[in-house]
Amino acid sequence: MLQRNKRDLKRLFDEFLQLLDQNCFYGYVIFTMNKQNSLKLCDLYKNYFTNIRLERDDKLGINSFLVQPIQRMARYPLLLTQFINTFFKNRDIVMKPLIESCCRLEKRLRTLLTTTNESEIINDIVGCHEFNVFYQGKFRKVNEFQIFDCKQKRSYRAKVFIFDKCIIYTEIKGKQLLFHGRYPCEHIGISAKTKSFTLYYERRKQQECEFTADPAQISHWLDLIRDMINNYANEERQKLHELYGRENDHLHRKPPSFSLYRDSNRFSTDSGIGNIWIMPKPDEETASNRSTWYANS
């Protein structure tokens, strides 16, 4: 790709961005998530790796080798920052679309770097015996919230994780994160305010928790949750299209289509993709004006 686009930097940046969109760099996140396990294995088999180091006359050893991908990831945005600085010094001859492509790529890489660094926090979760945290789809984000747990009738500081398939919430206990619950994307219910949102399992008062943070963080998380639910809905829609296409070609049946309809008074159990509620973006301080969106087939 570098050779092909060495005379077309804009195309180079755009193709690099496509690789990010296709999750080609997600391996760095997986690598960082497993970093602590890697170090434990190195310590457990210390003699084995020492023998290899001596045989190959490697003065740095396995730990130096394992840290290289993490160091490399940080160099990408630094390199693009150098490009941007050079472009601005020569902006009389550099076209605006080129600068925009470079800035867009640099921003995405910094977001990926943040996600990569945050993924290591997953190892601090304790008390989760129901499922494997590392198999919940791709990790997207972690942030601190103040949670009011309706079941426990108390409030606590929490770290909340969002993956492709679910949301996990934990209580901060010193250096550990005590697992409290999980909301799978196919069963999540949500209502939103400006400074908080409430999650529940399929229906109100069932595993209900209110998550409070500053408005900017709440807005960002509503976007993340909306993307998680929409991606799940698209996957289920595609499965249904394939299913009806295989089984009913001779009948020429039209596969079901998904649509979102608004109903603030009742809960829908008609959804072909599970009981999913999707909220619109909250306006200003319309805190008491709650509405719920449902996926309907």
Protein backbone atom coordinates (compact mmCIF):
# COMPACT_ATOMS: atom_id res chain seq x y z
CA MET A 1 0.00 0.00 0.00
CA LEU A 2 2.87 2.37 0.82
CA GLN A 3 4.58 1.62 -2.51
CA ARG A 4 1.38 1.98 -4.48
CA ASN A 5 0.44 5.33 -2.93
CA LYS A 6 3.86 6.93 -2.41
CA ARG A 7 2.90 9.73 -4.82
CA ASP A 8 -0.67 10.07 -3.51
CA LEU A 9 -0.64 10.77 0.23
CA LYS A 10 -4.37 11.43 0.46
CA ARG A 11 -5.14 8.02 -0.96
CA LEU A 12 -2.58 6.51 1.42
CA PHE A 13 -4.30 8.09 4.44
CA ASP A 14 -7.75 7.05 3.18
CA GLU A 15 -6.68 3.43 2.67
CA PHE A 16 -5.06 3.41 6.11
CA LEU A 17 -8.36 4.64 7.54
CA GLN A 18 -10.18 1.78 5.78
CA LEU A 19 -7.90 -0.69 7.56
CA LEU A 20 -8.99 0.86 10.87
CA ASP A 21 -12.66 0.65 9.85
CA GLN A 22 -12.14 -3.05 9.09
CA ASN A 23 -10.66 -3.60 12.59
CA CYS A 24 -7.31 -4.68 11.13
CA PHE A 25 -5.55 -3.03 14.08
CA TYR A 26 -7.74 -4.59 16.78
CA GLY A 27 -4.94 -7.12 17.37
CA TYR A 28 -3.17 -4.42 19.40
CA VAL A 29 -6.17 -4.25 21.75
CA ILE A 30 -6.20 -8.05 22.17
CA PHE A 31 -2.44 -8.03 22.75
CA THR A 32 -2.74 -5.40 25.48
CA MET A 33 -5.71 -7.15 27.14
CA ASN A 34 -3.57 -10.28 27.46
CA LYS A 35 -0.41 -8.44 28.52
CA GLN A 36 -0.70 -9.39 32.20
CA ASN A 37 -1.19 -13.08 31.32
CA SER A 38 1.83 -12.88 29.00
CA LEU A 39 4.02 -11.50 31.80
CA LYS A 40 2.80 -14.22 34.17
CA LEU A 41 3.71 -16.91 31.63
CA CYS A 42 7.16 -15.36 31.16
CA ASP A 43 7.70 -15.43 34.90
CA LEU A 44 6.37 -18.96 35.23
CA TYR A 45 8.69 -20.29 32.50
CA LYS A 46 11.58 -17.96 33.33
CA ASN A 47 14.27 -20.63 32.92
CA TYR A 48 12.93 -21.66 29.51
CA PHE A 49 13.07 -18.10 28.13
CA THR A 50 16.46 -17.47 29.76
CA ASN A 51 17.90 -20.48 27.91
CA ILE A 52 16.53 -19.18 24.60
CA ARG A 53 17.98 -15.73 25.27
CA LEU A 54 21.43 -17.22 25.97
CA GLU A 55 21.28 -19.51 22.91
CA ARG A 56 20.49 -16.58 20.60
CA ASP A 57 22.74 -14.10 22.39
CA ASP A 58 19.74 -11.80 22.94
CA LYS A 59 20.73 -9.19 25.50
CA LEU A 60 17.23 -7.73 25.91
CA GLY A 61 15.13 -10.86 26.48
CA ILE A 62 11.47 -11.80 25.99
CA ASN A 63 9.98 -8.89 27.98
CA SER A 64 11.62 -6.36 25.68
CA PHE A 65 10.23 -8.25 22.68
CA LEU A 66 6.68 -8.28 24.11
CA VAL A 67 6.62 -4.54 24.73
CA GLN A 68 7.49 -3.67 21.11
CA PRO A 69 3.91 -3.80 19.69
CA ILE A 70 2.68 -1.44 22.44
CA GLN A 71 5.54 0.99 21.71
CA ARG A 72 4.89 0.74 17.96
CA MET A 73 1.21 1.61 18.33
CA ALA A 74 2.06 4.95 19.95
CA ARG A 75 4.36 5.89 17.06
CA TYR A 76 1.59 5.99 14.44
CA PRO A 77 -0.17 9.14 15.71
CA LEU A 78 3.22 10.77 16.39
CA LEU A 79 4.25 10.19 12.78
CA LEU A 80 0.96 11.64 11.52
CA THR A 81 1.42 14.68 13.77
CA GLN A 82 4.71 15.31 11.98
CA PHE A 83 2.86 15.11 8.65
CA ILE A 84 0.25 17.61 9.88
CA ASN A 85 2.90 20.07 11.09
CA THR A 86 4.71 19.84 7.77
CA PHE A 87 1.47 20.34 5.83
CA PHE A 88 0.57 23.47 7.80
CA LYS A 89 4.03 24.94 7.26
CA ASN A 90 3.46 24.49 3.53
CA ARG A 91 -0.28 25.06 3.42
CA ASP A 92 0.09 27.44 0.46
CA ILE A 93 0.89 24.45 -1.75
CA VAL A 94 -0.83 21.63 0.21
CA MET A 95 -4.47 21.03 -0.63
CA LYS A 96 -7.09 21.17 2.12
CA PRO A 97 -8.49 17.61 1.45
CA LEU A 98 -5.02 16.17 2.10
CA ILE A 99 -4.77 17.91 5.48
CA GLU A 100 -8.32 16.81 6.39
CA SER A 101 -7.57 13.16 5.53
CA CYS A 102 -4.41 13.22 7.62
CA CYS A 103 -6.17 14.85 10.61
CA ARG A 104 -9.05 12.38 10.38
CA LEU A 105 -6.64 9.43 10.40
CA GLU A 106 -4.59 10.90 13.26
CA LYS A 107 -7.73 11.35 15.36
CA ARG A 108 -8.87 7.77 14.72
CA LEU A 109 -5.45 6.39 15.62
CA ARG A 110 -5.42 8.34 18.90
CA THR A 111 -8.88 6.91 19.67
CA LEU A 112 -7.56 3.41 18.96
CA LEU A 113 -4.53 4.10 21.17
CA THR A 114 -6.85 5.19 24.01
CA THR A 115 -8.96 2.04 23.56
CA THR A 116 -5.80 -0.08 23.56
CA ASN A 117 -4.54 1.46 26.81
CA GLU A 118 -7.95 1.20 28.48
CA SER A 119 -8.36 -2.48 27.56
CA GLU A 120 -5.77 -3.50 30.17
CA ILE A 121 -8.21 -2.41 32.92
CA ILE A 122 -10.39 -5.44 32.04
CA ASN A 123 -7.91 -7.57 33.99
CA ASP A 124 -8.92 -5.78 37.21
CA ILE A 125 -12.46 -7.26 37.12
CA VAL A 126 -13.02 -9.86 39.86
CA GLY A 127 -15.99 -12.01 40.87
CA CYS A 128 -17.18 -12.67 37.32
CA HIS A 129 -17.86 -16.42 37.17
CA GLU A 130 -20.88 -16.48 34.84
CA PHE A 131 -19.02 -15.85 31.56
CA ASN A 132 -15.60 -15.01 30.13
CA VAL A 133 -15.11 -11.23 29.94
CA PHE A 134 -12.65 -11.65 27.06
CA TYR A 135 -15.31 -13.21 24.80
CA GLN A 136 -17.92 -10.45 24.68
CA GLY A 137 -17.02 -9.12 21.25
CA LYS A 138 -14.65 -6.25 20.65
CA PHE A 139 -13.91 -3.94 23.56
CA ARG A 140 -15.02 -0.36 22.87
CA LYS A 141 -14.80 1.85 25.95
CA VAL A 142 -14.56 2.08 29.74
CA ASN A 143 -15.53 5.06 31.89
CA GLU A 144 -16.26 5.86 35.52
CA PHE A 145 -19.87 6.49 36.55
CA GLN A 146 -21.83 6.98 39.74
CA ILE A 147 -24.37 4.16 39.79
CA PHE A 148 -27.58 3.90 41.76
CA ASP A 149 -28.45 0.20 41.91
CA CYS A 150 -32.21 -0.16 42.42
CA LYS A 151 -31.91 -3.80 43.48
CA GLN A 152 -29.30 -3.09 46.16
CA LYS A 153 -30.90 0.31 46.93
CA ARG A 154 -27.53 2.03 47.16
CA SER A 155 -25.13 4.19 45.17
CA TYR A 156 -21.49 3.41 44.39
CA ARG A 157 -18.54 4.47 42.18
CA ALA A 158 -18.30 2.21 39.18
CA LYS A 159 -16.30 1.35 36.10
CA VAL A 160 -18.54 0.52 33.16
CA PHE A 161 -17.30 -1.40 30.10
CA ILE A 162 -18.98 -1.57 26.71
CA PHE A 163 -18.24 -4.36 24.22
CA ASP A 164 -19.82 -5.35 20.91
CA LYS A 165 -22.18 -7.76 22.66
CA CYS A 166 -22.86 -6.31 26.10
CA ILE A 167 -22.33 -3.71 28.81
CA ILE A 168 -20.61 -4.77 32.06
CA TYR A 169 -20.73 -2.69 35.23
CA THR A 170 -18.42 -3.08 38.23
CA GLU A 171 -17.94 -1.43 41.62
CA ILE A 172 -14.59 0.20 42.37
CA LYS A 173 -13.06 -1.51 45.41
CA GLY A 174 -9.51 -0.22 45.86
CA LYS A 175 -7.45 -1.54 42.94
CA GLN A 176 -10.05 -4.18 42.06
CA LEU A 177 -13.32 -3.94 40.16
CA LEU A 178 -16.07 -6.06 41.71
CA PHE A 179 -18.39 -7.44 39.03
CA HIS A 180 -22.06 -6.57 39.60
CA GLY A 181 -23.88 -7.24 36.36
CA ARG A 182 -24.12 -7.45 32.60
CA TYR A 183 -26.58 -6.20 29.97
CA PRO A 184 -26.53 -8.30 26.76
CA CYS A 185 -27.30 -6.18 23.69
CA GLU A 186 -30.31 -8.34 22.77
CA HIS A 187 -32.02 -7.73 26.12
CA ILE A 188 -31.00 -4.20 27.03
CA GLY A 189 -33.58 -1.56 27.92
CA ILE A 190 -32.68 2.11 28.27
CA SER A 191 -34.11 5.53 29.02
CA ALA A 192 -32.04 8.70 28.84
CA LYS A 193 -31.70 12.10 30.46
CA THR A 194 -29.11 14.83 29.92
CA LYS A 195 -26.91 13.88 32.90
CA SER A 196 -27.79 10.21 33.28
CA PHE A 197 -29.29 7.16 31.65
CA THR A 198 -31.02 4.12 33.12
CA LEU A 199 -30.40 0.55 31.98
CA TYR A 200 -32.55 -2.48 32.69
CA TYR A 201 -32.85 -6.08 31.59
CA GLU A 202 -35.80 -6.19 29.14
CA ARG A 203 -38.25 -4.33 31.40
CA ARG A 204 -38.28 -1.68 34.09
CA LYS A 205 -37.33 -2.68 37.67
CA GLN A 206 -35.46 -5.72 36.38
CA GLN A 207 -31.72 -5.28 37.07
CA GLU A 208 -32.37 -1.53 36.90
CA CYS A 209 -29.46 0.88 37.43
CA GLU A 210 -29.07 4.61 36.87
CA PHE A 211 -25.69 5.76 35.48
CA THR A 212 -24.72 9.38 36.22
CA ALA A 213 -21.82 11.40 34.76
CA ASP A 214 -21.19 14.72 33.05
CA PRO A 215 -23.41 15.48 30.00
CA ALA A 216 -20.59 15.04 27.46
CA GLN A 217 -19.80 11.54 28.73
CA ILE A 218 -23.49 10.61 28.83
CA SER A 219 -23.94 11.80 25.23
CA HIS A 220 -20.90 9.79 24.10
CA TRP A 221 -22.17 6.65 25.81
CA LEU A 222 -25.63 7.00 24.30
CA ASP A 223 -23.94 7.04 20.90
CA LEU A 224 -21.93 3.93 21.81
CA ILE A 225 -25.02 2.08 23.04
CA ARG A 226 -26.98 3.13 19.96
CA ASP A 227 -24.19 1.80 17.72
CA MET A 228 -24.05 -1.48 19.68
CA ILE A 229 -27.79 -2.06 19.32
CA ASN A 230 -27.92 -1.00 15.67
CA ASN A 231 -25.01 -3.29 14.77
CA TYR A 232 -26.75 -6.19 16.48
CA ALA A 233 -30.01 -5.38 14.67
CA ASN A 234 -28.21 -5.26 11.31
CA GLU A 235 -26.57 -8.63 11.97
CA GLU A 236 -29.94 -10.20 12.88
CA ARG A 237 -31.57 -8.61 9.85
CA GLN A 238 -28.87 -10.06 7.62
CA LYS A 239 -29.35 -13.51 9.17
CA LEU A 240 -33.09 -13.34 8.51
CA HIS A 241 -32.53 -12.26 4.91
CA GLU A 242 -30.18 -15.20 4.39
CA LEU A 243 -32.58 -17.59 6.15
CA TYR A 244 -35.61 -16.53 4.12
CA GLY A 245 -33.53 -16.42 0.97
CA ARG A 246 -32.46 -20.07 1.41
CA GLU A 247 -35.73 -21.55 2.66
CA ASN A 248 -38.32 -19.58 0.72
CA ASP A 249 -36.85 -18.93 -2.71
CA HIS A 250 -39.60 -20.99 -4.33
CA LEU A 251 -42.30 -19.10 -2.44
CA HIS A 252 -40.85 -15.64 -3.24
CA ARG A 253 -41.63 -14.59 0.31
CA LYS A 254 -40.43 -11.18 1.31
CA PRO A 255 -38.18 -11.31 4.40
CA PRO A 256 -39.33 -9.28 7.39
CA SER A 257 -38.02 -5.75 7.67
CA PHE A 258 -37.05 -4.06 10.89
CA SER A 259 -38.30 -0.65 11.88
CA LEU A 260 -38.20 1.47 15.00
CA TYR A 261 -41.47 2.77 16.40
CA ARG A 262 -42.07 4.99 19.37
CA ASP A 263 -44.19 4.03 22.35
CA SER A 264 -43.63 5.61 25.75
CA ASN A 265 -46.23 3.53 27.63
CA ARG A 266 -45.66 -0.14 26.89
CA PHE A 267 -42.94 -2.69 26.33
CA SER A 268 -42.66 -4.56 23.05
CA THR A 269 -42.16 -8.31 23.03
CA ASP A 270 -42.83 -8.55 19.30
CA SER A 271 -39.28 -7.88 18.23
CA GLY A 272 -37.67 -10.42 15.96
CA ILE A 273 -34.26 -9.36 17.20
CA GLY A 274 -34.84 -9.58 20.93
CA ASN A 275 -36.23 -7.00 23.31
CA ILE A 276 -34.27 -3.92 22.35
CA TRP A 277 -35.04 -0.34 23.27
CA ILE A 278 -33.38 2.48 21.39
CA MET A 279 -33.50 6.06 22.55
CA PRO A 280 -33.25 9.29 20.58
CA LYS A 281 -30.49 11.72 21.51
CA PRO A 282 -31.65 13.79 24.51
CA ASP A 283 -32.19 17.47 23.90
CA GLU A 284 -31.49 20.08 26.55
CA GLU A 285 -32.86 19.68 30.09
CA THR A 286 -35.86 17.54 29.17
CA ALA A 287 -35.02 15.31 32.08
CA SER A 288 -38.53 14.23 33.00
CA ASN A 289 -39.75 13.74 29.45
CA ARG A 290 -38.80 10.10 29.00
CA SER A 291 -39.58 8.14 25.89
CA THR A 292 -38.65 4.64 24.77
CA TRP A 293 -37.94 3.31 21.31
CA TYR A 294 -38.51 -0.32 20.34
CA ALA A 295 -37.23 -2.49 17.53
CA ASN A 296 -40.17 -4.02 15.72
CA SER A 297 -40.30 -6.72 13.04
